[in-house]
C-alpha atoms as a PDB file:
ATOM      1  CA  UNK A   1      -1.138 -17.308   5.707  1.00  0.00           C
ATOM      2  CA  UNK A   2      -3.200 -16.456   8.786  1.00  0.00           C
ATOM      3  CA  UNK A   3      -3.954 -12.809   9.430  1.00  0.00           C
ATOM      4  CA  UNK A   4      -1.781 -12.687  12.553  1.00  0.00           C
ATOM      5  CA  UNK A   5       1.190 -14.138  10.677  1.00  0.00           C
ATOM      6  CA  UNK A   6       0.702 -11.716   7.772  1.00  0.00           C
ATOM      7  CA  UNK A   7       0.526  -8.782  10.185  1.00  0.00           C
ATOM      8  CA  UNK A   8       3.693  -9.958  11.966  1.00  0.00           C
ATOM      9  CA  UNK A   9       5.490 -10.247   8.636  1.00  0.00           C
ATOM     10  CA  UNK A  10       4.401  -6.716   7.718  1.00  0.00           C
ATOM     11  CA  UNK A  11       5.718  -5.404  11.036  1.00  0.00           C
ATOM     12  CA  UNK A  12       9.035  -7.153  10.409  1.00  0.00           C
ATOM     13  CA  UNK A  13       9.271  -5.694   6.908  1.00  0.00           C
ATOM     14  CA  UNK A  14       8.611  -2.188   8.221  1.00  0.00           C
ATOM     15  CA  UNK A  15      11.136  -2.530  11.074  1.00  0.00           C
ATOM     16  CA  UNK A  16      13.873  -3.810   8.763  1.00  0.00           C
ATOM     17  CA  UNK A  17      13.227  -0.991   6.294  1.00  0.00           C
ATOM     18  CA  UNK A  18      13.192   1.617   9.070  1.00  0.00           C
ATOM     19  CA  UNK A  19      16.473   0.452  10.599  1.00  0.00           C
ATOM     20  CA  UNK A  20      18.130   0.392   7.180  1.00  0.00           C
ATOM     21  CA  UNK A  21      16.898   3.878   6.309  1.00  0.00           C
ATOM     22  CA  UNK A  22      18.049   5.336   9.632  1.00  0.00           C
ATOM     23  CA  UNK A  23      21.613   4.057   9.167  1.00  0.00           C
ATOM     24  CA  UNK A  24      21.682   5.152   5.552  1.00  0.00           C
ATOM     25  CA  UNK A  25      20.323   8.636   6.331  1.00  0.00           C
ATOM     26  CA  UNK A  26      23.163   9.321   8.771  1.00  0.00           C
ATOM     27  CA  UNK A  27      25.799   8.123   6.289  1.00  0.00           C
ATOM     28  CA  UNK A  28      24.338  10.142   3.423  1.00  0.00           C
ATOM     29  CA  UNK A  29      24.154  13.275   5.540  1.00  0.00           C
ATOM     30  CA  UNK A  30      27.833  12.994   6.488  1.00  0.00           C
ATOM     31  CA  UNK A  31      28.800  12.319   2.871  1.00  0.00           C
ATOM     32  CA  UNK A  32      26.657  15.213   1.651  1.00  0.00           C
ATOM     33  CA  UNK A  33      28.215  17.648   4.104  1.00  0.00           C
ATOM     34  CA  UNK A  34      31.743  16.470   3.292  1.00  0.00           C
ATOM     35  CA  UNK A  35      31.260  16.539  -0.469  1.00  0.00           C
ATOM     36  CA  UNK A  36      28.812  19.421  -0.772  1.00  0.00           C
ATOM     37  CA  UNK A  37      26.784  17.390  -3.278  1.00  0.00           C
ATOM     38  CA  UNK A  38      23.155  18.458  -3.719  1.00  0.00           C
ATOM     39  CA  UNK A  39      22.207  14.972  -4.842  1.00  0.00           C
ATOM     40  CA  UNK A  40      23.742  13.423  -1.720  1.00  0.00           C
ATOM     41  CA  UNK A  41      21.969  15.871   0.564  1.00  0.00           C
ATOM     42  CA  UNK A  42      18.720  15.146  -1.292  1.00  0.00           C
ATOM     43  CA  UNK A  43      19.336  11.444  -0.799  1.00  0.00           C
ATOM     44  CA  UNK A  44      19.896  12.121   2.909  1.00  0.00           C
ATOM     45  CA  UNK A  45      16.527  13.920   3.016  1.00  0.00           C
ATOM     46  CA  UNK A  46      15.060  10.978   1.087  1.00  0.00           C
ATOM     47  CA  UNK A  47      16.282   8.518   3.724  1.00  0.00           C
ATOM     48  CA  UNK A  48      15.126  10.742   6.600  1.00  0.00           C
ATOM     49  CA  UNK A  49      11.683  10.896   4.997  1.00  0.00           C
ATOM     50  CA  UNK A  50      11.679   7.115   4.538  1.00  0.00           C
ATOM     51  CA  UNK A  51      12.711   6.577   8.171  1.00  0.00           C
ATOM     52  CA  UNK A  52       9.894   8.808   9.411  1.00  0.00           C
ATOM     53  CA  UNK A  53       7.546   7.010   7.042  1.00  0.00           C
ATOM     54  CA  UNK A  54       8.497   3.635   8.546  1.00  0.00           C
ATOM     55  CA  UNK A  55       7.747   4.974  12.042  1.00  0.00           C
ATOM     56  CA  UNK A  56       4.311   6.124  10.859  1.00  0.00           C
ATOM     57  CA  UNK A  57       3.691   2.805   9.116  1.00  0.00           C
ATOM     58  CA  UNK A  58       4.614   0.974  12.321  1.00  0.00           C
ATOM     59  CA  UNK A  59       2.030   3.117  14.095  1.00  0.00           C
ATOM     60  CA  UNK A  60      -0.450   2.209  11.353  1.00  0.00           C
ATOM     61  CA  UNK A  61       0.060  -1.508  11.958  1.00  0.00           C
ATOM     62  CA  UNK A  62      -0.160  -1.240  15.740  1.00  0.00           C
ATOM     63  CA  UNK A  63      -3.078   1.168  15.963  1.00  0.00           C
ATOM     64  CA  UNK A  64      -5.074  -0.510  13.217  1.00  0.00           C
ATOM     65  CA  UNK A  65      -4.765  -3.952  14.825  1.00  0.00           C
ATOM     66  CA  UNK A  66      -6.650  -3.009  17.992  1.00  0.00           C
ATOM     67  CA  UNK A  67      -9.780  -5.128  18.603  1.00  0.00           C
ATOM     68  CA  UNK A  68     -13.312  -3.798  18.185  1.00  0.00           C
ATOM     69  CA  UNK A  69     -15.077  -2.195  21.128  1.00  0.00           C
ATOM     70  CA  UNK A  70     -18.428  -0.569  21.852  1.00  0.00           C
ATOM     71  CA  UNK A  71     -17.449   2.783  20.325  1.00  0.00           C
ATOM     72  CA  UNK A  72     -15.834   1.173  17.292  1.00  0.00           C
ATOM     73  CA  UNK A  73     -17.800  -2.027  16.626  1.00  0.00           C
ATOM     74  CA  UNK A  74     -16.020  -2.688  13.328  1.00  0.00           C
ATOM     75  CA  UNK A  75     -12.564  -2.251  14.818  1.00  0.00           C
ATOM     76  CA  UNK A  76      -9.793   0.235  14.117  1.00  0.00           C
ATOM     77  CA  UNK A  77      -8.620  -1.043  10.740  1.00  0.00           C
ATOM     78  CA  UNK A  78      -9.264   2.237   8.938  1.00  0.00           C
ATOM     79  CA  UNK A  79      -6.999   4.089  11.383  1.00  0.00           C
ATOM     80  CA  UNK A  80      -4.062   2.308   9.775  1.00  0.00           C
ATOM     81  CA  UNK A  81      -4.875   4.192   6.572  1.00  0.00           C
ATOM     82  CA  UNK A  82      -4.808   7.517   8.421  1.00  0.00           C
ATOM     83  CA  UNK A  83      -1.238   6.903   9.605  1.00  0.00           C
ATOM     84  CA  UNK A  84      -0.235   5.563   6.198  1.00  0.00           C
ATOM     85  CA  UNK A  85      -1.674   8.706   4.586  1.00  0.00           C
ATOM     86  CA  UNK A  86       0.365  10.872   6.966  1.00  0.00           C
ATOM     87  CA  UNK A  87       3.441   8.880   5.953  1.00  0.00           C
ATOM     88  CA  UNK A  88       2.742   9.589   2.277  1.00  0.00           C
ATOM     89  CA  UNK A  89       2.252  13.296   2.988  1.00  0.00           C
ATOM     90  CA  UNK A  90       5.534  13.472   4.907  1.00  0.00           C
ATOM     91  CA  UNK A  91       7.329  11.887   1.958  1.00  0.00           C
ATOM     92  CA  UNK A  92       5.687  14.497  -0.270  1.00  0.00           C
ATOM     93  CA  UNK A  93       6.640  17.484   1.883  1.00  0.00           C
ATOM     94  CA  UNK A  94       9.819  16.400   3.676  1.00  0.00           C
ATOM     95  CA  UNK A  95      11.518  14.384   0.966  1.00  0.00           C
ATOM     96  CA  UNK A  96      10.302  15.676  -2.387  1.00  0.00           C
ATOM     97  CA  UNK A  97      10.081  19.330  -1.297  1.00  0.00           C
ATOM     98  CA  UNK A  98      13.649  19.451   0.031  1.00  0.00           C
ATOM     99  CA  UNK A  99      15.161  17.535  -2.895  1.00  0.00           C
ATOM    100  CA  UNK A 100      13.530  19.688  -5.587  1.00  0.00           C
ATOM    101  CA  UNK A 101      14.257  22.965  -3.791  1.00  0.00           C
ATOM    102  CA  UNK A 102      17.887  22.085  -3.098  1.00  0.00           C
ATOM    103  CA  UNK A 103      18.355  20.836  -6.646  1.00  0.00           C
ATOM    104  CA  UNK A 104      17.016  24.067  -8.151  1.00  0.00           C
ATOM    105  CA  UNK A 105      19.322  26.068  -5.885  1.00  0.00           C
ATOM    106  CA  UNK A 106      22.337  24.037  -7.000  1.00  0.00           C
ATOM    107  CA  UNK A 107      21.444  24.464 -10.674  1.00  0.00           C
ATOM    108  CA  UNK A 108      21.224  28.235 -10.210  1.00  0.00           C
ATOM    109  CA  UNK A 109      24.290  28.694  -7.974  1.00  0.00           C
ATOM    110  CA  UNK A 110      26.611  25.964  -9.351  1.00  0.00           C
ATOM    111  CA  UNK A 111      28.679  25.635  -6.187  1.00  0.00           C
ATOM    112  CA  UNK A 112      30.454  22.516  -4.982  1.00  0.00           C
ATOM    113  CA  UNK A 113      33.005  22.141  -2.229  1.00  0.00           C
ATOM    114  CA  UNK A 114      34.466  18.934  -0.893  1.00  0.00           C
ATOM    115  CA  UNK A 115      35.620  15.473  -1.888  1.00  0.00           C
ATOM    116  CA  UNK A 116      33.580  13.175  -4.119  1.00  0.00           C
ATOM    117  CA  UNK A 117      35.026   9.948  -2.689  1.00  0.00           C
ATOM    118  CA  UNK A 118      32.807   9.970   0.407  1.00  0.00           C
ATOM    119  CA  UNK A 119      29.728  10.161  -1.814  1.00  0.00           C
ATOM    120  CA  UNK A 120      30.738   7.128  -3.871  1.00  0.00           C
ATOM    121  CA  UNK A 121      31.473   5.008  -0.786  1.00  0.00           C
ATOM    122  CA  UNK A 122      28.169   5.873   0.887  1.00  0.00           C
ATOM    123  CA  UNK A 123      26.191   5.331  -2.314  1.00  0.00           C
ATOM    124  CA  UNK A 124      27.681   1.865  -2.775  1.00  0.00           C
ATOM    125  CA  UNK A 125      27.048   0.825   0.837  1.00  0.00           C
ATOM    126  CA  UNK A 126      23.543   2.307   0.770  1.00  0.00           C
ATOM    127  CA  UNK A 127      22.701   0.408  -2.397  1.00  0.00           C
ATOM    128  CA  UNK A 128      23.634  -2.854  -0.724  1.00  0.00           C
ATOM    129  CA  UNK A 129      21.584  -2.154   2.420  1.00  0.00           C
ATOM    130  CA  UNK A 130      18.552  -0.952   0.465  1.00  0.00           C
ATOM    131  CA  UNK A 131      18.749  -4.076  -1.707  1.00  0.00           C
ATOM    132  CA  UNK A 132      18.448  -6.265   1.403  1.00  0.00           C
ATOM    133  CA  UNK A 133      15.413  -4.316   2.611  1.00  0.00           C
ATOM    134  CA  UNK A 134      13.772  -4.458  -0.820  1.00  0.00           C
ATOM    135  CA  UNK A 135      14.437  -8.197  -1.098  1.00  0.00           C
ATOM    136  CA  UNK A 136      12.444  -8.797   2.086  1.00  0.00           C
ATOM    137  CA  UNK A 137       9.555  -6.681   0.773  1.00  0.00           C
ATOM    138  CA  UNK A 138       9.638  -8.544  -2.560  1.00  0.00           C
ATOM    139  CA  UNK A 139       9.468 -11.915  -0.788  1.00  0.00           C
ATOM    140  CA  UNK A 140       6.418 -10.800   1.163  1.00  0.00           C
ATOM    141  CA  UNK A 141       4.721  -9.447  -1.963  1.00  0.00           C
ATOM    142  CA  UNK A 142       5.316 -12.737  -3.784  1.00  0.00           C
ATOM    143  CA  UNK A 143       3.988 -14.819  -0.895  1.00  0.00           C
ATOM    144  CA  UNK A 144       0.908 -12.670  -0.525  1.00  0.00           C
ATOM    145  CA  UNK A 145       0.204 -12.566  -4.270  1.00  0.00           C
ATOM    146  CA  UNK A 146       0.511 -16.367  -4.422  1.00  0.00           C
ATOM    147  CA  UNK A 147      -1.929 -16.687  -1.543  1.00  0.00           C
ATOM    148  CA  UNK A 148      -4.425 -14.436  -3.322  1.00  0.00           C
ATOM    149  CA  UNK A 149      -3.814 -16.293  -6.611  1.00  0.00           C
ATOM    150  CA  UNK A 150      -2.802 -13.195  -8.504  1.00  0.00           C
ATOM    151  CA  UNK A 151       0.319 -11.549  -9.927  1.00  0.00           C
ATOM    152  CA  UNK A 152       2.637  -9.443  -7.731  1.00  0.00           C
ATOM    153  CA  UNK A 153       1.875  -6.390  -9.860  1.00  0.00           C
ATOM    154  CA  UNK A 154      -1.881  -6.777  -9.456  1.00  0.00           C
ATOM    155  CA  UNK A 155      -1.460  -7.524  -5.752  1.00  0.00           C
ATOM    156  CA  UNK A 156       0.444  -4.266  -5.237  1.00  0.00           C
ATOM    157  CA  UNK A 157      -2.232  -2.332  -7.120  1.00  0.00           C
ATOM    158  CA  UNK A 158      -5.206  -3.766  -5.231  1.00  0.00           C
ATOM    159  CA  UNK A 159      -3.881  -4.787  -1.815  1.00  0.00           C
ATOM    160  CA  UNK A 160      -5.481  -3.256   1.265  1.00  0.00           C
ATOM    161  CA  UNK A 161      -2.208  -3.685   3.184  1.00  0.00           C
ATOM    162  CA  UNK A 162      -0.732  -0.330   2.253  1.00  0.00           C
ATOM    163  CA  UNK A 163       2.254  -0.782   4.598  1.00  0.00           C
ATOM    164  CA  UNK A 164       3.683  -3.517   2.375  1.00  0.00           C
ATOM    165  CA  UNK A 165       2.946  -1.418  -0.689  1.00  0.00           C
ATOM    166  CA  UNK A 166       4.656   1.613   0.870  1.00  0.00           C
ATOM    167  CA  UNK A 167       7.821  -0.281   1.834  1.00  0.00           C
ATOM    168  CA  UNK A 168       8.086  -1.884  -1.615  1.00  0.00           C
ATOM    169  CA  UNK A 169       7.634   1.407  -3.485  1.00  0.00           C
ATOM    170  CA  UNK A 170       9.903   3.377  -1.150  1.00  0.00           C
ATOM    171  CA  UNK A 171      12.726   0.831  -1.293  1.00  0.00           C
ATOM    172  CA  UNK A 172      12.400   0.636  -5.081  1.00  0.00           C
ATOM    173  CA  UNK A 173      12.482   4.425  -5.293  1.00  0.00           C
ATOM    174  CA  UNK A 174      15.489   4.468  -2.950  1.00  0.00           C
ATOM    175  CA  UNK A 175      17.508   2.250  -5.296  1.00  0.00           C
ATOM    176  CA  UNK A 176      16.558   4.364  -8.316  1.00  0.00           C
ATOM    177  CA  UNK A 177      17.415   7.508  -6.329  1.00  0.00           C
ATOM    178  CA  UNK A 178      20.844   6.126  -5.472  1.00  0.00           C
ATOM    179  CA  UNK A 179      21.531   5.458  -9.147  1.00  0.00           C
ATOM    180  CA  UNK A 180      20.410   8.989 -10.035  1.00  0.00           C
ATOM    181  CA  UNK A 181      22.628  10.447  -7.303  1.00  0.00           C
ATOM    182  CA  UNK A 182      25.627   8.411  -8.494  1.00  0.00           C
ATOM    183  CA  UNK A 183      25.017   9.533 -12.065  1.00  0.00           C
ATOM    184  CA  UNK A 184      24.702  13.180 -11.043  1.00  0.00           C
ATOM    185  CA  UNK A 185      27.813  13.137  -8.835  1.00  0.00           C
ATOM    186  CA  UNK A 186      29.824  11.253 -11.463  1.00  0.00           C
ATOM    187  CA  UNK A 187      28.896  13.614 -14.316  1.00  0.00           C
ATOM    188  CA  UNK A 188      29.599  16.651 -12.145  1.00  0.00           C
ATOM    189  CA  UNK A 189      33.063  15.341 -11.290  1.00  0.00           C
ATOM    190  CA  UNK A 190      33.839  14.459 -14.921  1.00  0.00           C
ATOM    191  CA  UNK A 191      32.618  17.745 -16.396  1.00  0.00           C
ATOM    192  CA  UNK A 192      33.308  20.067 -13.485  1.00  0.00           C
ATOM    193  CA  UNK A 193      29.746  21.368 -13.871  1.00  0.00           C
ATOM    194  CA  UNK A 194      27.395  21.105 -10.883  1.00  0.00           C
ATOM    195  CA  UNK A 195      24.396  21.306 -13.211  1.00  0.00           C
ATOM    196  CA  UNK A 196      24.202  17.500 -13.319  1.00  0.00           C
ATOM    197  CA  UNK A 197      24.305  17.233  -9.533  1.00  0.00           C
ATOM    198  CA  UNK A 198      21.407  19.670  -9.273  1.00  0.00           C
ATOM    199  CA  UNK A 199      19.394  17.899 -11.973  1.00  0.00           C
ATOM    200  CA  UNK A 200      19.891  14.581 -10.157  1.00  0.00           C
ATOM    201  CA  UNK A 201      18.559  16.168  -6.983  1.00  0.00           C
ATOM    202  CA  UNK A 202      15.471  17.447  -8.814  1.00  0.00           C
ATOM    203  CA  UNK A 203      14.844  14.017 -10.368  1.00  0.00           C
ATOM    204  CA  UNK A 204      15.093  12.390  -6.925  1.00  0.00           C
ATOM    205  CA  UNK A 205      12.496  14.856  -5.673  1.00  0.00           C
ATOM    206  CA  UNK A 206      10.161  14.085  -8.592  1.00  0.00           C
ATOM    207  CA  UNK A 207      10.587  10.373  -7.928  1.00  0.00           C
ATOM    208  CA  UNK A 208       9.536  10.874  -4.315  1.00  0.00           C
ATOM    209  CA  UNK A 209       6.624  12.990  -5.490  1.00  0.00           C
ATOM    210  CA  UNK A 210       5.348  10.141  -7.682  1.00  0.00           C
ATOM    211  CA  UNK A 211       5.635   7.576  -4.862  1.00  0.00           C
ATOM    212  CA  UNK A 212       3.893   9.878  -2.375  1.00  0.00           C
ATOM    213  CA  UNK A 213       1.054  10.559  -4.816  1.00  0.00           C
ATOM    214  CA  UNK A 214       0.464   6.842  -5.480  1.00  0.00           C
ATOM    215  CA  UNK A 215       0.416   6.008  -1.767  1.00  0.00           C
ATOM    216  CA  UNK A 216      -1.785   8.974  -0.858  1.00  0.00           C
ATOM    217  CA  UNK A 217      -4.333   8.053  -3.543  1.00  0.00           C
ATOM    218  CA  UNK A 218      -4.429   4.426  -2.365  1.00  0.00           C
ATOM    219  CA  UNK A 219      -4.948   5.351   1.292  1.00  0.00           C
ATOM    220  CA  UNK A 220      -7.613   7.954   0.530  1.00  0.00           C
ATOM    221  CA  UNK A 221      -9.524   5.366  -1.510  1.00  0.00           C
ATOM    222  CA  UNK A 222      -9.439   2.917   1.400  1.00  0.00           C
ATOM    223  CA  UNK A 223     -10.434   5.574   3.914  1.00  0.00           C
ATOM    224  CA  UNK A 224     -13.468   6.485   1.831  1.00  0.00           C
ATOM    225  CA  UNK A 225     -14.504   2.810   1.759  1.00  0.00           C
ATOM    226  CA  UNK A 226     -13.174   0.712  -1.123  1.00  0.00           C
ATOM    227  CA  UNK A 227     -14.790  -2.529  -2.287  1.00  0.00           C
ATOM    228  CA  UNK A 228     -12.874  -5.773  -2.598  1.00  0.00           C
ATOM    229  CA  UNK A 229     -11.287  -6.615  -5.994  1.00  0.00           C
ATOM    230  CA  UNK A 230     -13.648  -7.732  -8.753  1.00  0.00           C
ATOM    231  CA  UNK A 231     -12.516 -11.372  -8.845  1.00  0.00           C
ATOM    232  CA  UNK A 232     -12.961 -11.771  -5.102  1.00  0.00           C
ATOM    233  CA  UNK A 233     -16.389 -10.157  -5.342  1.00  0.00           C
ATOM    234  CA  UNK A 234     -17.438 -12.596  -8.051  1.00  0.00           C
ATOM    235  CA  UNK A 235     -16.321 -15.545  -5.909  1.00  0.00           C
ATOM    236  CA  UNK A 236     -18.291 -14.207  -2.928  1.00  0.00           C
ATOM    237  CA  UNK A 237     -21.342 -13.768  -5.149  1.00  0.00           C
ATOM    238  CA  UNK A 238     -20.960 -17.287  -6.540  1.00  0.00           C
ATOM    239  CA  UNK A 239     -20.735 -18.795  -3.043  1.00  0.00           C
ATOM    240  CA  UNK A 240     -23.821 -16.943  -1.867  1.00  0.00           C
ATOM    241  CA  UNK A 241     -25.840 -17.806  -4.980  1.00  0.00           C
ATOM    242  CA  UNK A 242     -25.019 -21.494  -4.507  1.00  0.00           C
ATOM    243  CA  UNK A 243     -26.516 -21.685  -1.017  1.00  0.00           C
ATOM    244  CA  UNK A 244     -29.636 -23.828  -0.465  1.00  0.00           C
ATOM    245  CA  UNK A 245     -33.019 -22.042  -0.812  1.00  0.00           C
ATOM    246  CA  UNK A 246     -31.333 -18.956  -2.353  1.00  0.00           C
ATOM    247  CA  UNK A 247     -33.146 -17.845  -5.506  1.00  0.00           C
ATOM    248  CA  UNK A 248     -30.914 -14.913  -6.431  1.00  0.00           C
ATOM    249  CA  UNK A 249     -28.565 -12.278  -5.035  1.00  0.00           C
ATOM    250  CA  UNK A 250     -30.255  -8.942  -5.590  1.00  0.00           C
ATOM    251  CA  UNK A 251     -27.465  -6.666  -4.350  1.00  0.00           C
ATOM    252  CA  UNK A 252     -23.956  -7.407  -3.073  1.00  0.00           C
ATOM    253  CA  UNK A 253     -21.908  -4.780  -1.241  1.00  0.00           C
ATOM    254  CA  UNK A 254     -18.382  -5.199   0.124  1.00  0.00           C
ATOM    255  CA  UNK A 255     -15.989  -2.903   1.951  1.00  0.00           C
ATOM    256  CA  UNK A 256     -12.408  -3.039   3.199  1.00  0.00           C
ATOM    257  CA  UNK A 257     -12.630  -2.109   6.887  1.00  0.00           C
ATOM    258  CA  UNK A 258      -8.878  -2.530   7.279  1.00  0.00           C
ATOM    259  CA  UNK A 259      -5.929  -4.535   5.928  1.00  0.00           C
ATOM    260  CA  UNK A 260      -7.359  -7.731   7.477  1.00  0.00           C
ATOM    261  CA  UNK A 261     -11.064  -6.924   7.800  1.00  0.00           C
ATOM    262  CA  UNK A 262     -13.735  -7.160   5.112  1.00  0.00           C
ATOM    263  CA  UNK A 263     -17.471  -6.538   5.406  1.00  0.00           C
ATOM    264  CA  UNK A 264     -19.955  -8.358   3.143  1.00  0.00           C
ATOM    265  CA  UNK A 265     -23.617  -7.306   2.949  1.00  0.00           C
ATOM    266  CA  UNK A 266     -26.145  -8.746   0.511  1.00  0.00           C
ATOM    267  CA  UNK A 267     -29.848  -8.494  -0.279  1.00  0.00           C
ATOM    268  CA  UNK A 268     -30.880 -12.101  -0.869  1.00  0.00           C
ATOM    269  CA  UNK A 269     -34.078 -13.348  -2.501  1.00  0.00           C
ATOM    270  CA  UNK A 270     -34.907 -16.747  -0.980  1.00  0.00           C
ATOM    271  CA  UNK A 271     -37.281 -19.309  -2.440  1.00  0.00           C
ATOM    272  CA  UNK A 272     -40.897 -18.620  -1.518  1.00  0.00           C
ATOM    273  CA  UNK A 273     -41.171 -21.836   0.487  1.00  0.00           C
ATOM    274  CA  UNK A 274     -38.089 -21.058   2.641  1.00  0.00           C
ATOM    275  CA  UNK A 275     -38.887 -20.993   6.357  1.00  0.00           C
ATOM    276  CA  UNK A 276     -37.332 -18.809   9.022  1.00  0.00           C
ATOM    277  CA  UNK A 277     -35.234 -21.770  10.148  1.00  0.00           C
ATOM    278  CA  UNK A 278     -34.030 -22.266   6.548  1.00  0.00           C
ATOM    279  CA  UNK A 279     -32.948 -18.630   6.320  1.00  0.00           C
ATOM    280  CA  UNK A 280     -31.101 -18.840   9.649  1.00  0.00           C
ATOM    281  CA  UNK A 281     -29.294 -21.992   8.494  1.00  0.00           C
ATOM    282  CA  UNK A 282     -28.339 -20.335   5.199  1.00  0.00           C
ATOM    283  CA  UNK A 283     -26.986 -17.291   7.028  1.00  0.00           C
ATOM    284  CA  UNK A 284     -24.764 -19.526   9.170  1.00  0.00           C
ATOM    285  CA  UNK A 285     -23.611 -21.492   6.124  1.00  0.00           C
ATOM    286  CA  UNK A 286     -22.849 -18.280   4.211  1.00  0.00           C
ATOM    287  CA  UNK A 287     -20.579 -17.055   6.980  1.00  0.00           C
ATOM    288  CA  UNK A 288     -18.864 -20.431   7.231  1.00  0.00           C
ATOM    289  CA  UNK A 289     -18.208 -20.631   3.487  1.00  0.00           C
ATOM    290  CA  UNK A 290     -16.982 -17.093   3.049  1.00  0.00           C
ATOM    291  CA  UNK A 291     -14.708 -17.017   6.083  1.00  0.00           C
ATOM    292  CA  UNK A 292     -13.375 -20.429   5.130  1.00  0.00           C
ATOM    293  CA  UNK A 293     -12.354 -19.134   1.708  1.00  0.00           C
ATOM    294  CA  UNK A 294     -11.240 -15.690   2.884  1.00  0.00           C
ATOM    295  CA  UNK A 295     -10.249 -15.414   6.588  1.00  0.00           C
ATOM    296  CA  UNK A 296     -10.178 -11.623   6.149  1.00  0.00           C
ATOM    297  CA  UNK A 297     -13.986 -11.581   5.910  1.00  0.00           C
ATOM    298  CA  UNK A 298     -15.082 -10.676   9.439  1.00  0.00           C
ATOM    299  CA  UNK A 299     -18.693  -9.602   8.958  1.00  0.00           C
ATOM    300  CA  UNK A 300     -21.403 -11.172   6.783  1.00  0.00           C
ATOM    301  CA  UNK A 301     -24.895  -9.656   6.718  1.00  0.00           C
ATOM    302  CA  UNK A 302     -27.730 -11.128   4.675  1.00  0.00           C
ATOM    303  CA  UNK A 303     -30.951  -9.171   4.176  1.00  0.00           C
ATOM    304  CA  UNK A 304     -33.896 -11.277   2.927  1.00  0.00           C
ATOM    305  CA  UNK A 305     -35.699  -9.377   0.179  1.00  0.00           C
ATOM    306  CA  UNK A 306     -38.483  -9.938  -2.310  1.00  0.00           C
ATOM    307  CA  UNK A 307     -37.916 -10.524  -5.997  1.00  0.00           C
ATOM    308  CA  UNK A 308     -38.039  -7.500  -8.222  1.00  0.00           C
ATOM    309  CA  UNK A 309     -40.791  -7.509 -10.869  1.00  0.00           C
ATOM    310  CA  UNK A 310     -39.691  -9.539 -13.861  1.00  0.00           C
ATOM    311  CA  UNK A 311     -36.488 -10.672 -12.122  1.00  0.00           C
ATOM    312  CA  UNK A 312     -34.784 -13.813 -13.345  1.00  0.00           C
ATOM    313  CA  UNK A 313     -32.870 -16.287 -11.242  1.00  0.00           C
ATOM    314  CA  UNK A 314     -29.568 -14.532 -11.881  1.00  0.00           C
ATOM    315  CA  UNK A 315     -27.817 -12.100  -9.594  1.00  0.00           C
ATOM    316  CA  UNK A 316     -28.152  -8.408 -10.315  1.00  0.00           C
ATOM    317  CA  UNK A 317     -24.640  -6.937 -10.528  1.00  0.00           C
ATOM    318  CA  UNK A 318     -23.700  -3.624  -8.993  1.00  0.00           C
ATOM    319  CA  UNK A 319     -20.992  -1.484 -10.633  1.00  0.00           C
ATOM    320  CA  UNK A 320     -17.427  -2.251  -9.569  1.00  0.00           C
ATOM    321  CA  UNK A 321     -14.377  -0.019 -10.111  1.00  0.00           C
ATOM    322  CA  UNK A 322     -12.199  -2.890 -11.383  1.00  0.00           C
ATOM    323  CA  UNK A 323     -14.450  -3.803 -14.269  1.00  0.00           C
ATOM    324  CA  UNK A 324     -16.196  -1.873 -17.049  1.00  0.00           C
ATOM    325  CA  UNK A 325     -19.955  -1.371 -16.802  1.00  0.00           C
ATOM    326  CA  UNK A 326     -22.091  -3.847 -18.775  1.00  0.00           C
ATOM    327  CA  UNK A 327     -22.983  -2.848 -22.276  1.00  0.00           C
ATOM    328  CA  UNK A 328     -26.709  -2.225 -22.918  1.00  0.00           C
END
């Protein structure tokens, strides 16, 4: 899938999720006020946090897609991770903080006023709407994982498109939160004890806390400058090592500049008889091969270097976070 099409699909996924969360947040708030349920009010806060998150993720997609200019020669891809990080922090503070605090208060006070019926109706409708939003995110994850020739689980762990990851995790958490809220409200009605409603609210808050932590960690890693996944790195190294007049790849460095932008830099030891024209031709061929295999690769820099003393014809590997270091 071309980068533009993938970005458009991500925007569509975020917009659908945002619209769904906005409608659900209003319904949950009304149901929470009518029923007095802590779990329902926590779910309302959950949906408000998700709606705000979708707005921030939309900003991430739009701001990060701006073209490079003189002040930012590598583009604005990393800005998308700033907005995505803010979205994760809002989920942490706005959603998890409110849910846990309100749940603790309910456990201590044990008060409930209102009708439970409104909560059940809203929970059922919300589950259906959230399922539609999650289904769209799942379809995108499957398409993208197939394109990258990996499993959906591995794709979600390693993808640089944190907007898709955020929508998938938030919609999944929303469905789990709805089940927790239904369980808490149901047990409170059956037993007449609001303890279960409060516990459900606390569990919803902890669930949001886990999601926010995962997303924050992922975005911080990308902001710092994360390398491409190990398998992709090995394929890049193999392509470069197979170029004419290349003796060995001394050092290979990669970096995710944004969801659709990758930088590749390598110190290359050419054969001693390689001319300047040969090196120029190899540099052009390297860019053609790599961008042909991975359209996300935008920048390829080759630095001709001398062989290290005693070096063989094999590439010298640099440590990568997705693989263990070589044994001595």
